[in-house]
Amino acid sequence: ITSSVSPDDQFLVSGSSDHNAYIWKISDPKRPPIMLQGHCQEVTSIAWCPTDFTKIASCSDDNTVRIWRLNRGAEGEKSSLGASNVVGRACPKLSSHTKLPEPMSPSESTPAKMSRVQCLGALS
């Protein structure tokens, strides 16, 4: 499992055996990390784009590579790409005392959450 520091030296990102990746703000180590959810097996390798600090690539034992586009702009900005391009989600990591979120609804499911047959069936 690898870790990487952002090109602006403000953040640390790391893969994890719990199927997620995590982003920590280096200057605020007590702050809970942001959790990147979208893989279904261990995230073994992760790296920041060296020329665009808003992009991260993660590789997993689920045989997928995810490209994450981080929004460091004004809160509430919407992607012009639309919801159909969402392949994962980012959220604050919960403390051990916080109730876990409910499972994803079918409208929130992504290709990574579907079986390979379901994913390929959508292409035909």
N, C-alpha and C. Protein backbone atom coordinates (compact mmCIF):
# COMPACT_ATOMS: atom_id res chain seq x y z
N ILE A 1 0.87 -1.18 0.00
CA ILE A 1 0.00 0.00 0.00
C ILE A 1 0.90 1.23 0.00
N THR A 2 0.60 2.17 -0.90
CA THR A 2 1.43 3.36 -1.02
C THR A 2 0.71 4.61 -0.53
N SER A 3 1.52 5.64 -0.29
CA SER A 3 1.03 6.97 0.08
C SER A 3 1.71 7.99 -0.81
N SER A 4 1.13 9.19 -0.89
CA SER A 4 1.69 10.22 -1.73
C SER A 4 1.34 11.60 -1.16
N VAL A 5 2.29 12.53 -1.27
CA VAL A 5 2.07 13.90 -0.84
C VAL A 5 1.65 14.72 -2.06
N SER A 6 0.69 15.62 -1.87
CA SER A 6 0.20 16.45 -2.97
C SER A 6 1.32 17.35 -3.49
N PRO A 7 1.26 17.76 -4.75
CA PRO A 7 2.29 18.62 -5.33
C PRO A 7 2.48 19.95 -4.57
N ASP A 8 1.43 20.42 -3.88
CA ASP A 8 1.55 21.65 -3.11
C ASP A 8 1.94 21.39 -1.65
N ASP A 9 2.27 20.13 -1.32
CA ASP A 9 2.73 19.72 0.02
C ASP A 9 1.72 20.00 1.13
N GLN A 10 0.44 20.07 0.80
CA GLN A 10 -0.58 20.35 1.81
C GLN A 10 -1.32 19.10 2.28
N PHE A 11 -1.34 18.03 1.44
CA PHE A 11 -2.16 16.86 1.74
C PHE A 11 -1.37 15.58 1.55
N LEU A 12 -1.77 14.56 2.30
CA LEU A 12 -1.22 13.21 2.17
C LEU A 12 -2.37 12.29 1.80
N VAL A 13 -2.19 11.48 0.78
CA VAL A 13 -3.21 10.51 0.38
C VAL A 13 -2.61 9.12 0.52
N SER A 14 -3.43 8.16 0.95
CA SER A 14 -2.94 6.80 1.13
C SER A 14 -4.02 5.80 0.76
N GLY A 15 -3.58 4.67 0.20
CA GLY A 15 -4.48 3.56 -0.02
C GLY A 15 -4.72 2.86 1.31
N SER A 16 -5.58 1.83 1.29
CA SER A 16 -5.91 1.13 2.52
C SER A 16 -6.44 -0.26 2.22
N SER A 17 -6.29 -1.14 3.19
CA SER A 17 -6.81 -2.50 3.03
C SER A 17 -8.31 -2.57 3.23
N ASP A 18 -8.96 -1.47 3.66
CA ASP A 18 -10.41 -1.47 3.88
C ASP A 18 -11.19 -1.03 2.63
N HIS A 19 -10.54 -1.04 1.45
CA HIS A 19 -11.15 -0.74 0.15
C HIS A 19 -11.30 0.74 -0.13
N ASN A 20 -10.80 1.61 0.74
CA ASN A 20 -10.91 3.05 0.56
C ASN A 20 -9.54 3.67 0.42
N ALA A 21 -9.52 4.93 0.05
CA ALA A 21 -8.31 5.75 0.11
C ALA A 21 -8.64 6.91 1.04
N TYR A 22 -7.61 7.50 1.64
CA TYR A 22 -7.82 8.56 2.62
C TYR A 22 -6.92 9.74 2.30
N ILE A 23 -7.46 10.96 2.54
CA ILE A 23 -6.71 12.19 2.35
C ILE A 23 -6.67 12.93 3.69
N TRP A 24 -5.45 13.24 4.13
CA TRP A 24 -5.25 14.00 5.36
C TRP A 24 -4.66 15.36 5.02
N LYS A 25 -5.07 16.39 5.76
CA LYS A 25 -4.44 17.71 5.64
C LYS A 25 -3.23 17.68 6.57
N ILE A 26 -2.04 17.84 6.02
CA ILE A 26 -0.80 17.69 6.78
C ILE A 26 -0.72 18.68 7.93
N SER A 27 -1.18 19.91 7.71
CA SER A 27 -1.09 20.94 8.75
C SER A 27 -2.12 20.76 9.87
N ASP A 28 -3.06 19.83 9.70
CA ASP A 28 -4.12 19.61 10.70
C ASP A 28 -4.30 18.11 10.92
N PRO A 29 -3.29 17.44 11.53
CA PRO A 29 -3.32 15.98 11.64
C PRO A 29 -4.44 15.43 12.53
N LYS A 30 -5.03 16.26 13.38
CA LYS A 30 -6.12 15.77 14.25
C LYS A 30 -7.46 15.75 13.52
N ARG A 31 -7.52 16.44 12.41
CA ARG A 31 -8.76 16.48 11.61
C ARG A 31 -8.98 15.11 10.96
N PRO A 32 -10.20 14.59 11.00
CA PRO A 32 -10.45 13.29 10.34
C PRO A 32 -10.17 13.37 8.85
N PRO A 33 -9.63 12.31 8.27
CA PRO A 33 -9.34 12.34 6.83
C PRO A 33 -10.61 12.28 6.00
N ILE A 34 -10.47 12.68 4.74
CA ILE A 34 -11.54 12.50 3.77
C ILE A 34 -11.36 11.09 3.20
N MET A 35 -12.46 10.36 3.10
CA MET A 35 -12.44 8.98 2.63
C MET A 35 -12.93 8.93 1.19
N LEU A 36 -12.14 8.34 0.31
CA LEU A 36 -12.53 8.14 -1.09
C LEU A 36 -13.05 6.73 -1.23
N GLN A 37 -14.34 6.59 -1.54
CA GLN A 37 -14.99 5.29 -1.65
C GLN A 37 -15.32 5.00 -3.10
N GLY A 38 -14.99 3.82 -3.58
CA GLY A 38 -15.31 3.46 -4.95
C GLY A 38 -14.70 2.14 -5.37
N HIS A 39 -13.70 1.67 -4.63
CA HIS A 39 -13.10 0.37 -4.92
C HIS A 39 -13.79 -0.71 -4.09
N CYS A 40 -13.68 -1.96 -4.53
CA CYS A 40 -14.30 -3.05 -3.77
C CYS A 40 -13.26 -4.05 -3.25
N GLN A 41 -11.97 -3.72 -3.38
CA GLN A 41 -10.90 -4.49 -2.76
C GLN A 41 -9.81 -3.52 -2.32
N GLU A 42 -8.74 -4.04 -1.72
CA GLU A 42 -7.66 -3.22 -1.18
C GLU A 42 -7.14 -2.21 -2.20
N VAL A 43 -6.95 -0.97 -1.77
CA VAL A 43 -6.37 0.08 -2.60
C VAL A 43 -4.86 0.02 -2.37
N THR A 44 -4.14 -0.48 -3.37
CA THR A 44 -2.73 -0.80 -3.19
C THR A 44 -1.77 0.29 -3.63
N SER A 45 -2.20 1.16 -4.53
CA SER A 45 -1.32 2.19 -5.03
C SER A 45 -2.12 3.46 -5.28
N ILE A 46 -1.49 4.59 -4.98
CA ILE A 46 -2.19 5.87 -5.15
C ILE A 46 -1.16 6.95 -5.43
N ALA A 47 -1.52 7.91 -6.28
CA ALA A 47 -0.58 8.98 -6.62
C ALA A 47 -1.34 10.23 -7.04
N TRP A 48 -0.77 11.39 -6.68
CA TRP A 48 -1.29 12.67 -7.15
C TRP A 48 -0.78 12.92 -8.56
N CYS A 49 -1.55 13.58 -9.36
CA CYS A 49 -1.09 14.04 -10.66
C CYS A 49 -0.02 15.11 -10.41
N PRO A 50 1.17 14.97 -11.00
CA PRO A 50 2.24 15.94 -10.71
C PRO A 50 1.98 17.34 -11.27
N THR A 51 1.08 17.47 -12.23
CA THR A 51 0.82 18.78 -12.83
C THR A 51 -0.54 19.37 -12.48
N ASP A 52 -1.41 18.59 -11.82
CA ASP A 52 -2.75 19.06 -11.47
C ASP A 52 -3.10 18.50 -10.10
N PHE A 53 -2.96 19.32 -9.05
CA PHE A 53 -3.15 18.83 -7.68
C PHE A 53 -4.60 18.49 -7.36
N THR A 54 -5.52 18.67 -8.31
CA THR A 54 -6.91 18.29 -8.05
C THR A 54 -7.22 16.88 -8.55
N LYS A 55 -6.21 16.17 -9.07
CA LYS A 55 -6.44 14.82 -9.58
C LYS A 55 -5.57 13.80 -8.86
N ILE A 56 -6.18 12.66 -8.55
CA ILE A 56 -5.51 11.53 -7.89
C ILE A 56 -5.87 10.27 -8.66
N ALA A 57 -4.91 9.39 -8.82
CA ALA A 57 -5.16 8.07 -9.42
C ALA A 57 -4.99 7.02 -8.33
N SER A 58 -5.94 6.09 -8.24
CA SER A 58 -5.84 4.99 -7.27
C SER A 58 -6.00 3.67 -8.01
N CYS A 59 -5.23 2.68 -7.59
CA CYS A 59 -5.28 1.34 -8.17
C CYS A 59 -5.66 0.37 -7.06
N SER A 60 -6.41 -0.65 -7.43
CA SER A 60 -6.93 -1.58 -6.43
C SER A 60 -6.76 -3.01 -6.89
N ASP A 61 -6.82 -3.92 -5.92
CA ASP A 61 -6.82 -5.34 -6.23
C ASP A 61 -8.10 -5.77 -6.93
N ASP A 62 -9.08 -4.87 -7.07
CA ASP A 62 -10.30 -5.19 -7.83
C ASP A 62 -10.07 -5.00 -9.33
N ASN A 63 -8.80 -4.79 -9.73
CA ASN A 63 -8.40 -4.64 -11.14
C ASN A 63 -8.95 -3.38 -11.79
N THR A 64 -9.11 -2.32 -11.00
CA THR A 64 -9.56 -1.05 -11.55
C THR A 64 -8.60 0.06 -11.16
N VAL A 65 -8.60 1.10 -11.97
CA VAL A 65 -7.91 2.35 -11.68
C VAL A 65 -8.99 3.41 -11.62
N ARG A 66 -8.97 4.22 -10.59
CA ARG A 66 -9.94 5.31 -10.46
C ARG A 66 -9.17 6.62 -10.55
N ILE A 67 -9.70 7.55 -11.31
CA ILE A 67 -9.16 8.90 -11.37
C ILE A 67 -10.13 9.79 -10.59
N TRP A 68 -9.63 10.39 -9.55
CA TRP A 68 -10.45 11.23 -8.68
C TRP A 68 -10.18 12.69 -9.02
N ARG A 69 -11.22 13.45 -9.23
CA ARG A 69 -11.10 14.89 -9.46
C ARG A 69 -11.62 15.58 -8.21
N LEU A 70 -10.74 16.23 -7.48
CA LEU A 70 -11.10 16.88 -6.24
C LEU A 70 -11.61 18.28 -6.52
N ASN A 71 -12.62 18.69 -5.80
CA ASN A 71 -13.17 20.03 -5.96
C ASN A 71 -12.63 20.88 -4.81
N ARG A 72 -11.68 21.73 -5.11
CA ARG A 72 -11.16 22.66 -4.10
C ARG A 72 -11.74 24.04 -4.30
N GLY A 73 -12.78 24.14 -5.12
CA GLY A 73 -13.41 25.43 -5.38
C GLY A 73 -14.44 25.76 -4.32
N ALA A 74 -15.34 26.66 -4.67
CA ALA A 74 -16.39 27.07 -3.75
C ALA A 74 -17.29 25.89 -3.43
N GLU A 75 -17.72 25.83 -2.18
CA GLU A 75 -18.59 24.71 -1.80
C GLU A 75 -19.90 24.80 -2.55
N GLY A 76 -20.43 23.64 -2.89
CA GLY A 76 -21.70 23.58 -3.57
C GLY A 76 -21.58 23.61 -5.08
N GLU A 77 -20.37 23.75 -5.61
CA GLU A 77 -20.21 23.72 -7.06
C GLU A 77 -20.63 22.36 -7.60
N LYS A 78 -21.29 22.36 -8.71
CA LYS A 78 -21.73 21.12 -9.34
C LYS A 78 -20.84 20.83 -10.53
N SER A 79 -20.61 19.55 -10.77
CA SER A 79 -19.81 19.15 -11.92
C SER A 79 -20.61 19.34 -13.20
N SER A 80 -19.97 19.84 -14.23
CA SER A 80 -20.65 19.98 -15.52
C SER A 80 -20.73 18.64 -16.23
N LEU A 81 -20.06 17.61 -15.68
CA LEU A 81 -20.06 16.30 -16.32
C LEU A 81 -21.34 15.52 -16.03
N GLY A 82 -22.01 15.84 -14.94
CA GLY A 82 -23.25 15.15 -14.61
C GLY A 82 -23.02 13.93 -13.75
N ALA A 83 -24.08 13.43 -13.14
CA ALA A 83 -24.01 12.31 -12.22
C ALA A 83 -23.62 11.00 -12.88
N SER A 84 -23.81 10.86 -14.17
CA SER A 84 -23.51 9.59 -14.84
C SER A 84 -22.02 9.27 -14.83
N ASN A 85 -21.16 10.27 -14.57
CA ASN A 85 -19.73 10.04 -14.54
C ASN A 85 -19.19 9.76 -13.15
N VAL A 86 -20.05 9.71 -12.14
CA VAL A 86 -19.61 9.46 -10.78
C VAL A 86 -19.26 7.98 -10.62
N VAL A 87 -18.05 7.70 -10.15
CA VAL A 87 -17.64 6.31 -9.94
C VAL A 87 -17.28 6.03 -8.49
N GLY A 88 -17.40 6.99 -7.64
CA GLY A 88 -17.10 6.83 -6.22
C GLY A 88 -17.56 8.09 -5.51
N ARG A 89 -17.26 8.15 -4.23
CA ARG A 89 -17.64 9.34 -3.51
C ARG A 89 -16.64 9.61 -2.40
N ALA A 90 -16.55 10.85 -2.00
CA ALA A 90 -15.66 11.25 -0.92
C ALA A 90 -16.51 11.74 0.23
N CYS A 91 -16.11 11.37 1.44
CA CYS A 91 -16.82 11.82 2.62
C CYS A 91 -15.85 11.81 3.79
N PRO A 92 -16.15 12.58 4.84
CA PRO A 92 -15.28 12.56 6.01
C PRO A 92 -15.28 11.18 6.64
N LYS A 93 -14.11 10.75 7.14
CA LYS A 93 -14.03 9.47 7.84
C LYS A 93 -14.73 9.62 9.17
N LEU A 94 -15.57 8.67 9.50
CA LEU A 94 -16.33 8.71 10.73
C LEU A 94 -15.50 8.22 11.90
N SER A 95 -15.72 8.80 13.06
CA SER A 95 -15.04 8.30 14.25
C SER A 95 -15.69 6.98 14.65
N SER A 96 -15.05 6.24 15.53
CA SER A 96 -15.57 4.93 15.94
C SER A 96 -16.88 5.05 16.71
N HIS A 97 -17.22 6.27 17.17
CA HIS A 97 -18.45 6.46 17.92
C HIS A 97 -19.61 6.91 17.04
N THR A 98 -19.34 7.15 15.78
CA THR A 98 -20.36 7.64 14.86
C THR A 98 -21.03 6.48 14.15
N LYS A 99 -22.34 6.57 13.98
CA LYS A 99 -23.09 5.53 13.28
C LYS A 99 -22.67 5.50 11.82
N LEU A 100 -22.49 4.31 11.28
CA LEU A 100 -22.10 4.15 9.88
C LEU A 100 -23.25 4.53 8.97
N PRO A 101 -22.96 5.06 7.77
CA PRO A 101 -24.03 5.43 6.84
C PRO A 101 -24.74 4.18 6.33
N GLU A 102 -25.96 4.39 5.88
CA GLU A 102 -26.74 3.30 5.30
C GLU A 102 -26.10 2.85 3.99
N PRO A 103 -26.35 1.59 3.57
CA PRO A 103 -25.81 1.14 2.28
C PRO A 103 -26.31 2.02 1.15
N MET A 104 -25.55 2.04 0.07
CA MET A 104 -25.89 2.87 -1.08
C MET A 104 -27.19 2.38 -1.71
N SER A 105 -28.03 3.34 -2.11
CA SER A 105 -29.26 2.99 -2.80
C SER A 105 -28.91 2.66 -4.25
N PRO A 106 -29.82 2.00 -4.99
CA PRO A 106 -29.54 1.69 -6.40
C PRO A 106 -29.19 2.93 -7.21
N SER A 107 -29.77 4.09 -6.88
CA SER A 107 -29.46 5.29 -7.65
C SER A 107 -28.05 5.79 -7.38
N GLU A 108 -27.44 5.36 -6.26
CA GLU A 108 -26.07 5.75 -5.94
C GLU A 108 -25.05 4.71 -6.36
N SER A 109 -25.51 3.58 -6.89
CA SER A 109 -24.56 2.54 -7.24
C SER A 109 -23.72 2.97 -8.42
N THR A 110 -22.53 2.44 -8.49
CA THR A 110 -21.58 2.80 -9.54
C THR A 110 -21.14 1.54 -10.25
N PRO A 111 -20.48 1.66 -11.39
CA PRO A 111 -19.98 0.46 -12.07
C PRO A 111 -19.09 -0.39 -11.17
N ALA A 112 -18.36 0.24 -10.25
CA ALA A 112 -17.49 -0.53 -9.35
C ALA A 112 -18.30 -1.37 -8.39
N LYS A 113 -19.55 -0.99 -8.13
CA LYS A 113 -20.39 -1.72 -7.20
C LYS A 113 -21.19 -2.82 -7.88
N MET A 114 -21.21 -2.83 -9.22
CA MET A 114 -21.95 -3.84 -9.96
C MET A 114 -21.03 -5.00 -10.32
N SER A 115 -21.63 -6.14 -10.53
CA SER A 115 -20.82 -7.27 -11.01
C SER A 115 -20.35 -6.98 -12.42
N ARG A 116 -19.32 -7.68 -12.86
CA ARG A 116 -18.77 -7.47 -14.22
C ARG A 116 -19.84 -7.75 -15.28
N VAL A 117 -20.70 -8.74 -15.06
CA VAL A 117 -21.74 -9.07 -16.01
C VAL A 117 -22.71 -7.89 -16.13
N GLN A 118 -23.10 -7.26 -15.00
CA GLN A 118 -24.00 -6.13 -15.05
C GLN A 118 -23.35 -4.97 -15.81
N CYS A 119 -22.07 -4.70 -15.54
CA CYS A 119 -21.37 -3.61 -16.20
C CYS A 119 -21.32 -3.84 -17.70
N LEU A 120 -20.95 -5.03 -18.11
CA LEU A 120 -20.82 -5.32 -19.53
C LEU A 120 -22.17 -5.40 -20.22
N GLY A 121 -23.19 -5.83 -19.48
CA GLY A 121 -24.53 -5.90 -20.05
C GLY A 121 -25.05 -4.54 -20.43
N ALA A 122 -24.65 -3.50 -19.69
CA ALA A 122 -25.09 -2.15 -19.99
C ALA A 122 -24.47 -1.63 -21.28
N LEU A 123 -23.38 -2.26 -21.74
CA LEU A 123 -22.72 -1.82 -22.96
C LEU A 123 -23.36 -2.38 -24.21
N SER A 124 -24.13 -3.45 -24.08
CA SER A 124 -24.69 -4.08 -25.28
C SER A 124 -26.01 -3.48 -25.68
